[in-house]
Amino acid sequence: MDQPADATLPTVEIADDVIRLGQFLKLAGLAESGAQARDLVADGEVRVNGEVDTRRGRQLRRGDTVTVEHPQGQQGATVA
């Protein structure tokens, strides 16, 4: 199910035109380490633009929204 970009999510600036999903998870503070980012993605806990994505190397562009299901609740950020 697609979700519209959520205006309440924080935005995280990226230096280049694209960033890999695993890198963005760390940059946005949604994962504490590369290992945790890998596990979250592999376990299907990460959604990009509302859809589960299990590709850690997925290329994200400005405007993409990433959400993560954590035990303490959902967190997310928008690529800016």
C-alpha atoms as a PDB file:
ATOM      1  CA  MET A   1       0.000   0.000   0.000  1.00  0.00           C
ATOM      2  CA  ASP A   2       1.491   3.338  -1.030  1.00  0.00           C
ATOM      3  CA  GLN A   3       1.792   6.128   1.471  1.00  0.00           C
ATOM      4  CA  PRO A   4       2.099   9.789   0.567  1.00  0.00           C
ATOM      5  CA  ALA A   5       5.203  11.584   1.826  1.00  0.00           C
ATOM      6  CA  ASP A   6       4.585  12.405   5.466  1.00  0.00           C
ATOM      7  CA  ALA A   7       5.162  16.087   6.184  1.00  0.00           C
ATOM      8  CA  THR A   8       5.665  15.280   9.885  1.00  0.00           C
ATOM      9  CA  LEU A   9       8.783  13.168   9.221  1.00  0.00           C
ATOM     10  CA  PRO A  10      12.146  14.878   9.649  1.00  0.00           C
ATOM     11  CA  THR A  11      14.145  15.550   6.500  1.00  0.00           C
ATOM     12  CA  VAL A  12      17.764  14.473   6.158  1.00  0.00           C
ATOM     13  CA  GLU A  13      20.011  16.290   3.675  1.00  0.00           C
ATOM     14  CA  ILE A  14      22.216  14.206   1.403  1.00  0.00           C
ATOM     15  CA  ALA A  15      25.344  15.497  -0.338  1.00  0.00           C
ATOM     16  CA  ASP A  16      24.893  13.721  -3.676  1.00  0.00           C
ATOM     17  CA  ASP A  17      21.903  13.068  -5.929  1.00  0.00           C
ATOM     18  CA  VAL A  18      21.426   9.533  -4.555  1.00  0.00           C
ATOM     19  CA  ILE A  19      22.262   7.551  -1.419  1.00  0.00           C
ATOM     20  CA  ARG A  20      22.022   3.840  -0.701  1.00  0.00           C
ATOM     21  CA  LEU A  21      19.336   2.685   1.711  1.00  0.00           C
ATOM     22  CA  GLY A  22      21.818   1.210   4.206  1.00  0.00           C
ATOM     23  CA  GLN A  23      23.810   4.451   4.293  1.00  0.00           C
ATOM     24  CA  PHE A  24      20.672   6.549   4.701  1.00  0.00           C
ATOM     25  CA  LEU A  25      19.460   4.468   7.643  1.00  0.00           C
ATOM     26  CA  LYS A  26      22.683   5.308   9.502  1.00  0.00           C
ATOM     27  CA  LEU A  27      22.772   8.965   8.386  1.00  0.00           C
ATOM     28  CA  ALA A  28      19.175   9.521   9.497  1.00  0.00           C
ATOM     29  CA  GLY A  29      19.767   7.822  12.860  1.00  0.00           C
ATOM     30  CA  LEU A  30      17.286   5.058  12.047  1.00  0.00           C
ATOM     31  CA  ALA A  31      20.023   2.435  12.561  1.00  0.00           C
ATOM     32  CA  GLU A  32      22.939   2.628  14.985  1.00  0.00           C
ATOM     33  CA  SER A  33      25.359   0.719  12.755  1.00  0.00           C
ATOM     34  CA  GLY A  34      25.783  -0.837   9.357  1.00  0.00           C
ATOM     35  CA  ALA A  35      25.122  -4.239  10.902  1.00  0.00           C
ATOM     36  CA  GLN A  36      21.828  -3.052  12.388  1.00  0.00           C
ATOM     37  CA  ALA A  37      20.854  -1.441   9.070  1.00  0.00           C
ATOM     38  CA  ARG A  38      21.574  -4.737   7.278  1.00  0.00           C
ATOM     39  CA  ASP A  39      19.477  -6.689   9.782  1.00  0.00           C
ATOM     40  CA  LEU A  40      16.542  -4.263   9.640  1.00  0.00           C
ATOM     41  CA  VAL A  41      16.471  -4.404   5.840  1.00  0.00           C
ATOM     42  CA  ALA A  42      16.890  -8.202   5.711  1.00  0.00           C
ATOM     43  CA  ASP A  43      14.103  -8.679   8.261  1.00  0.00           C
ATOM     44  CA  GLY A  44      11.629  -6.624   6.190  1.00  0.00           C
ATOM     45  CA  GLU A  45      11.379  -3.870   8.808  1.00  0.00           C
ATOM     46  CA  VAL A  46      12.165  -1.056   6.343  1.00  0.00           C
ATOM     47  CA  ARG A  47       9.686   0.611   4.005  1.00  0.00           C
ATOM     48  CA  VAL A  48      10.599   2.973   1.180  1.00  0.00           C
ATOM     49  CA  ASN A  49       7.700   5.141   0.046  1.00  0.00           C
ATOM     50  CA  GLY A  50       5.317   2.826   1.907  1.00  0.00           C
ATOM     51  CA  GLU A  51       6.581  -0.471   0.439  1.00  0.00           C
ATOM     52  CA  VAL A  52       8.838  -3.029   2.143  1.00  0.00           C
ATOM     53  CA  ASP A  53      12.274  -3.071   0.505  1.00  0.00           C
ATOM     54  CA  THR A  54      14.868  -5.715   1.315  1.00  0.00           C
ATOM     55  CA  ARG A  55      17.643  -4.253  -0.873  1.00  0.00           C
ATOM     56  CA  ARG A  56      20.198  -2.505   1.309  1.00  0.00           C
ATOM     57  CA  GLY A  57      21.806  -1.072  -1.844  1.00  0.00           C
ATOM     58  CA  ARG A  58      18.544   0.485  -3.071  1.00  0.00           C
ATOM     59  CA  GLN A  59      19.243   3.947  -4.442  1.00  0.00           C
ATOM     60  CA  LEU A  60      17.231   6.676  -2.746  1.00  0.00           C
ATOM     61  CA  ARG A  61      16.574  10.096  -4.234  1.00  0.00           C
ATOM     62  CA  ARG A  62      15.366  13.356  -2.745  1.00  0.00           C
ATOM     63  CA  GLY A  63      11.712  13.086  -1.762  1.00  0.00           C
ATOM     64  CA  ASP A  64      11.856   9.367  -0.916  1.00  0.00           C
ATOM     65  CA  THR A  65      10.439   8.480   2.499  1.00  0.00           C
ATOM     66  CA  VAL A  66      11.970   5.746   4.643  1.00  0.00           C
ATOM     67  CA  THR A  67      10.250   4.260   7.705  1.00  0.00           C
ATOM     68  CA  VAL A  68      11.502   1.593  10.094  1.00  0.00           C
ATOM     69  CA  GLU A  69       9.511  -0.575  12.490  1.00  0.00           C
ATOM     70  CA  HIS A  70      11.302  -0.620  15.848  1.00  0.00           C
ATOM     71  CA  PRO A  71      10.040  -2.312  19.037  1.00  0.00           C
ATOM     72  CA  GLN A  72       9.428   1.187  20.462  1.00  0.00           C
ATOM     73  CA  GLY A  73       7.415   2.229  17.404  1.00  0.00           C
ATOM     74  CA  GLN A  74       7.805   3.450  13.871  1.00  0.00           C
ATOM     75  CA  GLN A  75      10.477   5.998  12.987  1.00  0.00           C
ATOM     76  CA  GLY A  76      11.199   7.575   9.658  1.00  0.00           C
ATOM     77  CA  ALA A  77      12.808  10.307   7.620  1.00  0.00           C
ATOM     78  CA  THR A  78      12.551  11.889   4.196  1.00  0.00           C
ATOM     79  CA  VAL A  79      15.529  12.252   1.867  1.00  0.00           C
ATOM     80  CA  ALA A  80      16.236  15.934   1.173  1.00  0.00           C
END
